[in-house]
C-alpha atoms as a PDB file:
ATOM      1  CA  MET A   1       0.039  -0.017  -0.118  1.00  0.00           C
ATOM      2  CA  THR A   2       1.485   3.281  -0.886  1.00  0.00           C
ATOM      3  CA  LYS A   3      -0.251   6.586   0.283  1.00  0.00           C
ATOM      4  CA  LEU A   4      -0.879   9.015  -2.539  1.00  0.00           C
ATOM      5  CA  ARG A   5       0.558  11.641  -1.463  1.00  0.00           C
ATOM      6  CA  ASP A   6       3.887   9.961  -1.742  1.00  0.00           C
ATOM      7  CA  LEU A   7       2.896   9.140  -5.703  1.00  0.00           C
ATOM      8  CA  CYS A   8       1.847  12.821  -6.302  1.00  0.00           C
ATOM      9  CA  LYS A   9       3.872  16.093  -6.593  1.00  0.00           C
ATOM     10  CA  ALA A  10       0.191  17.974  -6.093  1.00  0.00           C
ATOM     11  CA  VAL A  11      -2.788  17.077  -4.898  1.00  0.00           C
ATOM     12  CA  ARG A  12      -5.446  20.012  -4.820  1.00  0.00           C
ATOM     13  CA  SER A  13      -8.540  21.448  -4.463  1.00  0.00           C
ATOM     14  CA  LYS A  14     -10.892  24.257  -5.802  1.00  0.00           C
ATOM     15  CA  GLN A  15     -14.235  25.292  -6.639  1.00  0.00           C
ATOM     16  CA  ALA A  16     -15.598  24.790  -9.994  1.00  0.00           C
ATOM     17  CA  GLY A  17     -18.106  27.038  -9.642  1.00  0.00           C
ATOM     18  CA  PRO A  18     -20.441  27.732  -7.284  1.00  0.00           C
ATOM     19  CA  PHE A  19     -22.161  24.191  -7.308  1.00  0.00           C
ATOM     20  CA  ARG A  20     -19.098  21.926  -7.823  1.00  0.00           C
ATOM     21  CA  LEU A  21     -15.565  21.244  -6.239  1.00  0.00           C
ATOM     22  CA  THR A  22     -12.924  19.561  -8.481  1.00  0.00           C
ATOM     23  CA  PHE A  23      -9.495  17.907  -7.380  1.00  0.00           C
ATOM     24  CA  ASP A  24      -6.553  17.709  -9.077  1.00  0.00           C
ATOM     25  CA  LEU A  25      -4.232  14.637  -8.621  1.00  0.00           C
ATOM     26  CA  VAL A  26      -1.196  14.909 -10.510  1.00  0.00           C
ATOM     27  CA  PHE A  27       1.682  12.190 -10.604  1.00  0.00           C
ATOM     28  CA  LYS A  28       5.456  12.236  -9.708  1.00  0.00           C
ATOM     29  CA  ASP A  29       6.323  10.695 -12.896  1.00  0.00           C
ATOM     30  CA  ASP A  30       4.599   8.252 -15.875  1.00  0.00           C
ATOM     31  CA  ASP A  31       5.013   4.784 -14.258  1.00  0.00           C
ATOM     32  CA  SER A  32       3.411   6.044 -10.410  1.00  0.00           C
ATOM     33  CA  TYR A  33       0.438   7.514 -13.111  1.00  0.00           C
ATOM     34  CA  GLU A  34       0.061   4.581 -15.376  1.00  0.00           C
ATOM     35  CA  ARG A  35       0.412   2.259 -12.032  1.00  0.00           C
ATOM     36  CA  VAL A  36      -2.318   3.816 -10.251  1.00  0.00           C
ATOM     37  CA  LYS A  37      -4.661   4.312 -13.737  1.00  0.00           C
ATOM     38  CA  ALA A  38      -4.342   0.457 -14.219  1.00  0.00           C
ATOM     39  CA  SER A  39      -4.975  -0.801 -10.706  1.00  0.00           C
ATOM     40  CA  GLY A  40      -8.822   1.030 -11.221  1.00  0.00           C
ATOM     41  CA  ALA A  41      -7.977   2.048  -7.587  1.00  0.00           C
ATOM     42  CA  ILE A  42      -9.127   5.802  -8.374  1.00  0.00           C
ATOM     43  CA  THR A  43     -13.230   5.537  -8.429  1.00  0.00           C
ATOM     44  CA  ALA A  44     -15.991   7.446  -7.922  1.00  0.00           C
ATOM     45  CA  SER A  45     -17.210   4.687  -5.135  1.00  0.00           C
ATOM     46  CA  LEU A  46     -13.800   5.243  -3.370  1.00  0.00           C
ATOM     47  CA  ILE A  47     -14.003   9.180  -3.664  1.00  0.00           C
ATOM     48  CA  ALA A  48     -17.531   9.106  -2.426  1.00  0.00           C
ATOM     49  CA  ARG A  49     -16.502   6.707   0.778  1.00  0.00           C
ATOM     50  CA  VAL A  50     -13.820   9.170   1.590  1.00  0.00           C
ATOM     51  CA  TYR A  51     -15.819  11.981   1.671  1.00  0.00           C
ATOM     52  CA  GLY A  52     -18.794  10.348   3.110  1.00  0.00           C
ATOM     53  CA  ILE A  53     -21.105  10.883  -0.001  1.00  0.00           C
ATOM     54  CA  GLN A  54     -23.319   9.131  -2.765  1.00  0.00           C
ATOM     55  CA  GLN A  55     -21.754   8.094  -5.379  1.00  0.00           C
ATOM     56  CA  ASP A  56     -24.137  10.050  -7.596  1.00  0.00           C
ATOM     57  CA  GLN A  57     -22.708  13.477  -6.246  1.00  0.00           C
ATOM     58  CA  ILE A  58     -19.072  12.645  -7.759  1.00  0.00           C
ATOM     59  CA  THR A  59     -19.840  13.536 -11.620  1.00  0.00           C
ATOM     60  CA  HIS A  60     -16.562  13.304 -13.482  1.00  0.00           C
ATOM     61  CA  VAL A  61     -13.027  11.044 -12.858  1.00  0.00           C
ATOM     62  CA  VAL A  62     -11.248  11.823 -15.818  1.00  0.00           C
ATOM     63  CA  PHE A  63      -7.445  10.602 -16.477  1.00  0.00           C
ATOM     64  CA  TYR A  64      -5.521  13.136 -18.222  1.00  0.00           C
ATOM     65  CA  ASP A  65      -2.315  10.840 -19.885  1.00  0.00           C
ATOM     66  CA  PRO A  66      -0.762  14.332 -21.407  1.00  0.00           C
ATOM     67  CA  GLY A  67      -0.694  15.680 -17.991  1.00  0.00           C
ATOM     68  CA  ARG A  68      -0.114  12.255 -15.809  1.00  0.00           C
ATOM     69  CA  ALA A  69      -3.239  13.661 -13.788  1.00  0.00           C
ATOM     70  CA  ILE A  70      -6.528  12.414 -12.807  1.00  0.00           C
ATOM     71  CA  LYS A  71      -9.354  14.869 -12.311  1.00  0.00           C
ATOM     72  CA  ILE A  72     -12.762  14.523  -9.966  1.00  0.00           C
ATOM     73  CA  THR A  73     -15.169  16.832  -9.789  1.00  0.00           C
ATOM     74  CA  MET A  74     -18.138  16.754  -7.130  1.00  0.00           C
ATOM     75  CA  ILE A  75     -21.111  18.546  -5.828  1.00  0.00           C
ATOM     76  CA  ARG A  76     -20.421  21.089  -3.339  1.00  0.00           C
ATOM     77  CA  PRO A  77     -21.985  20.040   0.205  1.00  0.00           C
ATOM     78  CA  CYS A  78     -23.453  23.129   0.023  1.00  0.00           C
ATOM     79  CA  VAL A  79     -23.209  26.353  -2.665  1.00  0.00           C
ATOM     80  CA  ALA A  80     -20.297  28.511  -2.002  1.00  0.00           C
ATOM     81  CA  GLY A  81     -20.596  31.299   0.240  1.00  0.00           C
ATOM     82  CA  ASP A  82     -23.877  29.979   1.792  1.00  0.00           C
ATOM     83  CA  PRO A  83     -24.222  29.790   5.467  1.00  0.00           C
ATOM     84  CA  GLY A  84     -22.338  26.957   6.794  1.00  0.00           C
ATOM     85  CA  ASP A  85     -19.688  27.079   4.016  1.00  0.00           C
ATOM     86  CA  GLY A  86     -16.448  26.932   5.606  1.00  0.00           C
ATOM     87  CA  ASP A  87     -14.023  27.241   2.139  1.00  0.00           C
ATOM     88  CA  VAL A  88     -15.856  29.572  -0.188  1.00  0.00           C
ATOM     89  CA  TYR A  89     -12.467  28.906  -2.901  1.00  0.00           C
ATOM     90  CA  GLY A  90     -12.793  24.916  -2.269  1.00  0.00           C
ATOM     91  CA  CYS A  91      -8.828  25.253  -1.912  1.00  0.00           C
ATOM     92  CA  GLN A  92      -8.797  22.987   1.488  1.00  0.00           C
ATOM     93  CA  GLN A  93     -10.898  20.142   0.594  1.00  0.00           C
ATOM     94  CA  HIS A  94      -8.387  17.795  -0.798  1.00  0.00           C
ATOM     95  CA  ALA A  95      -6.962  16.706   2.794  1.00  0.00           C
ATOM     96  CA  PRO A  96      -8.847  13.374   3.005  1.00  0.00           C
ATOM     97  CA  LEU A  97      -6.841  12.406  -0.176  1.00  0.00           C
ATOM     98  CA  LEU A  98      -3.430  12.628   1.388  1.00  0.00           C
ATOM     99  CA  ASP A  99      -3.799   9.831   3.287  1.00  0.00           C
ATOM    100  CA  LEU A 100      -5.518   7.422   0.660  1.00  0.00           C
ATOM    101  CA  SER A 101      -3.904   4.294   0.493  1.00  0.00           C
ATOM    102  CA  ILE A 102      -3.629   2.447  -3.117  1.00  0.00           C
ATOM    103  CA  SER A 103      -2.774  -1.228  -3.713  1.00  0.00           C
ATOM    104  CA  LEU A 104      -0.645  -1.558  -6.841  1.00  0.00           C
END
């Protein structure tokens, strides 16, 4: 098992409009990216479990080969800027992904 943070050079999140959050997993090298992609480990189901949401709230899991990256988009738990939104820019939402263990 390898932690995602050890495979990626960047794990980040940001808002994708007022109703969505997006996550970027940018891998350190081609080998790490290809091994994770081939493993089938990063799925909408896994991300939903990590964030404690329903799988249908994950709208995209896209593998972007030229950038050695995976982009994940989810519906925000509340609209950006609404009362109860603790991160209007969505830039602190990636933390649960850092400790995610991947079996390669």
